[in-house]
């Protein structure tokens, strides 16, 4: 028996720190795959104080079911302190 997942709600949360170039490629692919599968989904990207163009890419992605969240202070959880 095959399960029908179309009524399932899927939440995807992606942390991002200076990921502008990667997000340009990744967000459309995720969006297309989930739409193709007919899933009800929400894609949330947390911009963790990026200094590149991550915020700009996320603004463009908002029209493709992407919710962008940027903390007001730079928590820096995605930063490499080494």
N, C-alpha and C. Protein backbone atom coordinates (compact mmCIF):
# COMPACT_ATOMS: atom_id res chain seq x y z
N UNK A 1 0.84 -1.18 0.00
CA UNK A 1 0.00 0.00 0.00
C UNK A 1 0.89 1.25 0.00
N UNK A 2 0.63 2.14 -0.91
CA UNK A 2 1.42 3.36 -1.03
C UNK A 2 0.78 4.48 -0.21
N UNK A 3 1.60 5.21 0.54
CA UNK A 3 1.11 6.31 1.35
C UNK A 3 1.05 7.58 0.51
N UNK A 4 -0.04 8.31 0.65
CA UNK A 4 -0.19 9.58 -0.05
C UNK A 4 0.33 10.70 0.86
N UNK A 5 1.48 11.27 0.51
CA UNK A 5 2.12 12.30 1.33
C UNK A 5 1.68 13.71 0.99
N UNK A 6 0.79 13.87 0.03
CA UNK A 6 0.41 15.22 -0.39
C UNK A 6 -0.29 16.01 0.70
N UNK A 7 -0.89 15.35 1.66
CA UNK A 7 -1.55 16.07 2.76
C UNK A 7 -0.59 16.32 3.92
N UNK A 8 0.64 15.84 3.80
CA UNK A 8 1.65 16.03 4.84
C UNK A 8 2.27 17.41 4.71
N UNK A 9 2.46 18.08 5.84
CA UNK A 9 3.11 19.38 5.83
C UNK A 9 4.58 19.18 6.20
N UNK A 10 5.47 19.72 5.38
CA UNK A 10 6.91 19.55 5.57
C UNK A 10 7.54 20.91 5.86
N UNK A 11 8.37 20.95 6.90
CA UNK A 11 9.12 22.16 7.23
C UNK A 11 10.60 21.87 7.09
N UNK A 12 11.28 22.69 6.32
CA UNK A 12 12.72 22.54 6.13
C UNK A 12 13.37 23.81 6.65
N UNK A 13 14.32 23.65 7.57
CA UNK A 13 15.03 24.80 8.14
C UNK A 13 16.50 24.68 7.76
N UNK A 14 17.01 25.70 7.09
CA UNK A 14 18.41 25.73 6.66
C UNK A 14 19.14 26.87 7.35
N UNK A 15 20.22 26.59 8.06
CA UNK A 15 21.06 27.68 8.57
C UNK A 15 21.96 28.17 7.43
N UNK A 16 22.25 29.45 7.41
CA UNK A 16 23.09 29.99 6.34
C UNK A 16 24.04 31.04 6.89
N UNK A 17 25.30 30.84 6.63
CA UNK A 17 26.32 31.84 6.95
C UNK A 17 27.21 31.99 5.73
N UNK A 18 27.10 33.12 5.05
CA UNK A 18 27.85 33.39 3.81
C UNK A 18 27.64 32.29 2.78
N UNK A 19 26.38 32.01 2.49
CA UNK A 19 26.01 30.94 1.56
C UNK A 19 25.31 31.45 0.31
N UNK A 20 25.53 32.69 -0.05
CA UNK A 20 24.81 33.28 -1.19
C UNK A 20 24.92 32.44 -2.46
N UNK A 21 26.11 32.07 -2.82
CA UNK A 21 26.30 31.31 -4.07
C UNK A 21 25.64 29.94 -4.00
N UNK A 22 25.75 29.27 -2.86
CA UNK A 22 25.12 27.96 -2.72
C UNK A 22 23.60 28.06 -2.72
N UNK A 23 23.07 29.08 -2.04
CA UNK A 23 21.62 29.23 -1.97
C UNK A 23 21.00 29.54 -3.33
N UNK A 24 21.73 30.25 -4.18
CA UNK A 24 21.23 30.54 -5.53
C UNK A 24 20.91 29.25 -6.27
N UNK A 25 21.71 28.22 -6.04
CA UNK A 25 21.51 26.93 -6.70
C UNK A 25 20.55 26.03 -5.93
N UNK A 26 20.68 26.03 -4.63
CA UNK A 26 19.93 25.09 -3.79
C UNK A 26 18.45 25.43 -3.66
N UNK A 27 18.11 26.68 -3.42
CA UNK A 27 16.72 27.04 -3.17
C UNK A 27 15.78 26.69 -4.33
N UNK A 28 16.14 27.01 -5.58
CA UNK A 28 15.25 26.62 -6.68
C UNK A 28 15.10 25.11 -6.81
N UNK A 29 16.17 24.37 -6.52
CA UNK A 29 16.09 22.90 -6.62
C UNK A 29 15.17 22.32 -5.56
N UNK A 30 15.30 22.81 -4.34
CA UNK A 30 14.41 22.34 -3.26
C UNK A 30 12.97 22.67 -3.60
N UNK A 31 12.74 23.91 -4.01
CA UNK A 31 11.39 24.37 -4.35
C UNK A 31 10.79 23.51 -5.46
N UNK A 32 11.54 23.29 -6.52
CA UNK A 32 11.03 22.52 -7.66
C UNK A 32 10.73 21.08 -7.26
N UNK A 33 11.59 20.48 -6.47
CA UNK A 33 11.40 19.09 -6.06
C UNK A 33 10.15 18.93 -5.21
N UNK A 34 9.98 19.82 -4.24
CA UNK A 34 8.83 19.72 -3.35
C UNK A 34 7.52 20.03 -4.08
N UNK A 35 7.56 20.98 -4.99
CA UNK A 35 6.37 21.28 -5.79
C UNK A 35 6.01 20.10 -6.68
N UNK A 36 7.03 19.52 -7.29
CA UNK A 36 6.82 18.37 -8.18
C UNK A 36 6.16 17.21 -7.43
N UNK A 37 6.57 17.03 -6.19
CA UNK A 37 6.02 15.96 -5.38
C UNK A 37 4.65 16.32 -4.79
N UNK A 38 4.23 17.56 -4.99
CA UNK A 38 2.92 17.99 -4.53
C UNK A 38 2.81 18.15 -3.03
N UNK A 39 3.94 18.39 -2.37
CA UNK A 39 3.94 18.52 -0.92
C UNK A 39 3.58 19.92 -0.47
N UNK A 40 2.90 20.00 0.65
CA UNK A 40 2.63 21.27 1.31
C UNK A 40 3.85 21.53 2.19
N UNK A 41 4.59 22.58 1.91
CA UNK A 41 5.85 22.77 2.61
C UNK A 41 6.13 24.23 2.92
N UNK A 42 7.05 24.40 3.84
CA UNK A 42 7.57 25.74 4.15
C UNK A 42 9.08 25.61 4.28
N UNK A 43 9.79 26.40 3.52
CA UNK A 43 11.25 26.41 3.54
C UNK A 43 11.69 27.66 4.29
N UNK A 44 12.40 27.45 5.40
CA UNK A 44 12.84 28.54 6.27
C UNK A 44 14.37 28.59 6.25
N UNK A 45 14.92 29.74 5.93
CA UNK A 45 16.37 29.90 5.92
C UNK A 45 16.73 30.95 6.98
N UNK A 46 17.63 30.56 7.89
CA UNK A 46 18.09 31.46 8.95
C UNK A 46 19.45 32.02 8.55
N UNK A 47 19.47 33.30 8.26
CA UNK A 47 20.71 33.98 7.89
C UNK A 47 21.44 34.39 9.17
N UNK A 48 22.54 33.73 9.44
CA UNK A 48 23.25 33.90 10.70
C UNK A 48 24.38 34.93 10.60
N UNK A 49 24.02 36.17 10.28
CA UNK A 49 25.00 37.25 10.25
C UNK A 49 25.94 37.22 9.07
N UNK A 50 25.47 36.78 7.94
CA UNK A 50 26.31 36.70 6.74
C UNK A 50 26.82 38.08 6.33
N UNK A 51 28.03 38.10 5.79
CA UNK A 51 28.59 39.35 5.29
C UNK A 51 28.64 39.38 3.77
N UNK A 52 28.17 38.30 3.14
CA UNK A 52 28.12 38.27 1.68
C UNK A 52 26.71 38.69 1.24
N UNK A 53 26.25 38.22 0.11
CA UNK A 53 24.95 38.63 -0.41
C UNK A 53 23.84 37.63 -0.08
N UNK A 54 24.00 36.88 1.01
CA UNK A 54 23.00 35.91 1.41
C UNK A 54 21.63 36.57 1.61
N UNK A 55 21.58 37.71 2.27
CA UNK A 55 20.31 38.40 2.52
C UNK A 55 19.62 38.77 1.21
N UNK A 56 20.39 39.21 0.23
CA UNK A 56 19.81 39.58 -1.07
C UNK A 56 19.23 38.36 -1.78
N UNK A 57 19.96 37.26 -1.73
CA UNK A 57 19.47 36.02 -2.35
C UNK A 57 18.18 35.57 -1.68
N UNK A 58 18.11 35.69 -0.37
CA UNK A 58 16.91 35.29 0.35
C UNK A 58 15.73 36.18 0.01
N UNK A 59 15.98 37.47 -0.22
CA UNK A 59 14.90 38.37 -0.63
C UNK A 59 14.32 37.94 -1.97
N UNK A 60 15.17 37.52 -2.88
CA UNK A 60 14.71 37.04 -4.18
C UNK A 60 13.95 35.72 -4.02
N UNK A 61 14.37 34.90 -3.08
CA UNK A 61 13.75 33.61 -2.88
C UNK A 61 12.39 33.67 -2.23
N UNK A 62 12.04 34.80 -1.62
CA UNK A 62 10.76 34.91 -0.92
C UNK A 62 9.58 34.67 -1.85
N UNK A 63 9.74 34.97 -3.12
CA UNK A 63 8.64 34.74 -4.05
C UNK A 63 8.47 33.26 -4.37
N UNK A 64 9.44 32.43 -3.97
CA UNK A 64 9.38 30.99 -4.20
C UNK A 64 9.17 30.21 -2.91
N UNK A 65 8.26 30.67 -2.07
CA UNK A 65 7.89 29.97 -0.84
C UNK A 65 9.02 29.88 0.18
N UNK A 66 9.96 30.80 0.13
CA UNK A 66 11.06 30.81 1.10
C UNK A 66 10.76 31.86 2.16
N UNK A 67 10.86 31.46 3.41
CA UNK A 67 10.74 32.39 4.52
C UNK A 67 12.15 32.63 5.03
N UNK A 68 12.55 33.88 5.08
CA UNK A 68 13.90 34.21 5.54
C UNK A 68 13.83 34.81 6.93
N UNK A 69 14.75 34.41 7.77
CA UNK A 69 14.82 34.92 9.13
C UNK A 69 16.25 35.37 9.38
N UNK A 70 16.41 36.61 9.78
CA UNK A 70 17.73 37.14 10.13
C UNK A 70 17.67 37.68 11.56
N UNK A 71 18.34 37.02 12.49
CA UNK A 71 18.36 37.53 13.87
C UNK A 71 18.90 38.95 13.89
N UNK A 72 18.41 39.77 14.81
CA UNK A 72 18.84 41.17 14.88
C UNK A 72 20.29 41.31 15.29
N UNK A 73 20.74 40.46 16.17
CA UNK A 73 22.16 40.51 16.54
C UNK A 73 22.86 39.33 15.90
N UNK A 74 24.14 39.46 15.73
CA UNK A 74 24.90 38.39 15.10
C UNK A 74 25.28 37.35 16.15
N UNK A 75 24.48 36.29 16.19
CA UNK A 75 24.78 35.22 17.13
C UNK A 75 26.05 34.48 16.69
N UNK A 76 26.21 34.36 15.39
CA UNK A 76 27.43 33.76 14.87
C UNK A 76 27.55 32.27 15.06
N UNK A 77 26.43 31.57 15.21
CA UNK A 77 26.50 30.12 15.40
C UNK A 77 27.12 29.44 14.20
N UNK A 78 27.02 30.05 13.03
CA UNK A 78 27.57 29.44 11.83
C UNK A 78 29.01 29.82 11.57
N UNK A 79 29.57 30.65 12.39
CA UNK A 79 30.95 31.11 12.18
C UNK A 79 31.94 30.08 12.69
N UNK A 80 33.03 29.98 11.99
CA UNK A 80 34.12 29.10 12.39
C UNK A 80 35.13 29.92 13.19
N UNK A 81 35.23 29.62 14.49
CA UNK A 81 36.11 30.39 15.37
C UNK A 81 37.54 29.87 15.38
N UNK A 82 37.83 28.87 14.55
CA UNK A 82 39.18 28.31 14.59
C UNK A 82 40.20 29.18 13.88
